[in-house]
Amino acid sequence: MKKIQIVIYPFWIILSFLTSIFIMIKLYPNYINNEFPPFFIFSYSIIHLFGRILSSIVAISNKWILLIQAFLIFMAFIISLNFMEFSLGIRIMISIIFIIISSLHFIITNILYRKYSDRI
C-alpha cells in the first residue's frame, strides 16, 4: 500500500499535464471557445509546480507564494479572454466558470502534495 501512496501525487501531476497537453494539441489549431478546461488545468498545474519550486529553492514565505500564484491565475484569466469570440461579458463569465472548475483540480493537487510529499 505504501508503494501506491508514494506514486499517487507524481501520477496525478503527470496525468494532469499529459491529458491537458493532449487535449490542447488535439484541438489545435481550432482553440476558439473549446480549450478552456485543459488550458486552466495546465495553467494551474504549472502554477502549483512553480509554487513548490519557489518554496524549495528560495526562502519565500507562503504568503508571497500565494500572492504569486494568485497573480499567475489572474494572468491565465486575462489570456483566456483573448481566445473567445463572444462578447466581453460572456467571455468573463465563461472564464470564471472554468477557473472555478479548475480550482477543484488545484485544490486536489495541493491536498495530494501535502498528504504524500513527505513520502516522495
Protein backbone atom coordinates (compact mmCIF):
# COMPACT_ATOMS: atom_id res chain seq x y z
CA MET A 1 0.00 0.00 0.00
CA LYS A 2 2.88 2.40 0.74
CA LYS A 3 4.23 1.99 -2.80
CA ILE A 4 0.85 3.02 -4.19
CA GLN A 5 0.73 6.04 -1.88
CA ILE A 6 4.19 7.14 -2.99
CA VAL A 7 3.17 7.33 -6.65
CA ILE A 8 -0.26 9.00 -6.23
CA TYR A 9 0.99 12.61 -6.30
CA PRO A 10 3.50 12.20 -9.18
CA PHE A 11 0.93 10.17 -11.13
CA TRP A 12 -1.67 12.92 -10.61
CA ILE A 13 0.74 15.62 -11.83
CA ILE A 14 1.90 13.61 -14.86
CA LEU A 15 -1.66 12.62 -15.77
CA SER A 16 -2.83 16.24 -15.47
CA PHE A 17 -0.03 17.51 -17.70
CA LEU A 18 -0.33 14.80 -20.32
CA THR A 19 -4.11 14.95 -20.50
CA SER A 20 -4.26 18.73 -20.78
CA ILE A 21 -1.41 18.85 -23.32
CA PHE A 22 -3.00 16.03 -25.37
CA ILE A 23 -6.37 17.80 -25.47
CA MET A 24 -4.82 21.15 -26.36
CA ILE A 25 -2.79 19.53 -29.17
CA LYS A 26 -5.84 17.60 -30.36
CA LEU A 27 -7.85 20.84 -30.58
CA TYR A 28 -5.03 22.72 -32.34
CA PRO A 29 -5.40 24.95 -34.35
CA ASN A 30 -9.11 25.39 -33.55
CA TYR A 31 -8.79 26.62 -29.96
CA ILE A 32 -11.67 29.04 -30.27
CA ASN A 33 -14.22 28.50 -27.48
CA ASN A 34 -13.26 24.91 -26.61
CA GLU A 35 -9.87 24.75 -24.91
CA PHE A 36 -10.65 26.24 -21.51
CA PRO A 37 -10.73 23.22 -19.18
CA PRO A 38 -7.35 21.89 -20.38
CA PHE A 39 -5.90 25.41 -20.56
CA PHE A 40 -6.78 26.19 -16.96
CA ILE A 41 -5.81 22.73 -15.67
CA PHE A 42 -2.47 23.05 -17.45
CA SER A 43 -2.05 26.57 -16.06
CA TYR A 44 -2.94 25.50 -12.53
CA SER A 45 -0.53 22.54 -12.72
CA ILE A 46 2.29 24.84 -13.79
CA ILE A 47 1.37 27.35 -11.09
CA HIS A 48 1.33 24.59 -8.45
CA LEU A 49 4.74 23.28 -9.52
CA PHE A 50 6.14 26.80 -9.72
CA GLY A 51 4.99 27.42 -6.14
CA ARG A 52 6.59 24.17 -4.95
CA ILE A 53 9.85 25.02 -6.71
CA LEU A 54 9.88 28.52 -5.24
CA SER A 55 9.26 27.21 -1.74
CA SER A 56 12.04 24.65 -2.01
CA ILE A 57 14.69 26.81 -3.71
CA VAL A 58 14.16 30.26 -2.28
CA ALA A 59 13.25 31.11 1.28
CA ILE A 60 9.95 32.77 0.40
CA SER A 61 7.05 32.81 2.83
CA ASN A 62 3.83 31.03 1.96
CA LYS A 63 2.04 34.38 1.77
CA TRP A 64 4.33 35.54 -1.06
CA ILE A 65 3.93 32.23 -2.87
CA LEU A 66 0.15 32.56 -2.56
CA LEU A 67 0.32 36.10 -3.96
CA ILE A 68 2.49 34.97 -6.87
CA GLN A 69 0.11 32.09 -7.59
CA ALA A 70 -2.92 34.41 -7.44
CA PHE A 71 -1.18 36.77 -9.88
CA LEU A 72 -0.42 33.90 -12.28
CA ILE A 73 -4.04 32.70 -12.09
CA PHE A 74 -5.15 36.25 -12.90
CA MET A 75 -2.78 36.29 -15.89
CA ALA A 76 -4.21 32.95 -17.11
CA PHE A 77 -7.67 34.51 -16.80
CA ILE A 78 -6.61 37.53 -18.88
CA ILE A 79 -5.01 35.29 -21.52
CA SER A 80 -8.16 33.15 -21.73
CA LEU A 81 -10.25 36.21 -22.58
CA ASN A 82 -8.32 36.61 -25.84
CA PHE A 83 -9.34 33.19 -27.21
CA MET A 84 -13.11 33.65 -27.35
CA GLU A 85 -15.29 35.31 -29.97
CA PHE A 86 -18.17 36.15 -27.62
CA SER A 87 -18.98 39.49 -26.03
CA LEU A 88 -16.77 40.57 -23.14
CA GLY A 89 -19.42 39.76 -20.52
CA ILE A 90 -19.84 36.18 -21.77
CA ARG A 91 -16.07 35.73 -22.07
CA ILE A 92 -15.61 36.82 -18.46
CA MET A 93 -18.42 34.55 -17.26
CA ILE A 94 -17.07 31.51 -19.14
CA SER A 95 -13.52 32.11 -17.88
CA ILE A 96 -14.74 32.47 -14.28
CA ILE A 97 -16.72 29.22 -14.56
CA PHE A 98 -13.66 27.35 -15.81
CA ILE A 99 -11.43 28.95 -13.20
CA ILE A 100 -13.81 27.62 -10.54
CA ILE A 101 -13.85 24.16 -12.12
CA SER A 102 -10.06 24.14 -12.47
CA SER A 103 -9.70 25.34 -8.89
CA LEU A 104 -11.02 21.95 -7.81
CA HIS A 105 -8.10 20.38 -9.66
CA PHE A 106 -5.72 22.83 -7.97
CA ILE A 107 -7.17 22.01 -4.53
CA ILE A 108 -6.90 18.27 -5.13
CA THR A 109 -3.31 18.73 -6.31
CA ASN A 110 -2.40 20.68 -3.16
CA ILE A 111 -4.11 18.12 -0.92
CA LEU A 112 -2.21 15.29 -2.61
CA TYR A 113 1.03 17.25 -2.32
CA ARG A 114 0.55 17.85 1.42
CA LYS A 115 -0.52 14.28 2.06
CA TYR A 116 2.14 12.49 0.03
CA SER A 117 5.05 14.93 -0.39
CA ASP A 118 6.86 13.71 2.70
CA ARG A 119 6.88 10.20 1.24
CA ILE A 120 8.35 11.16 -2.14
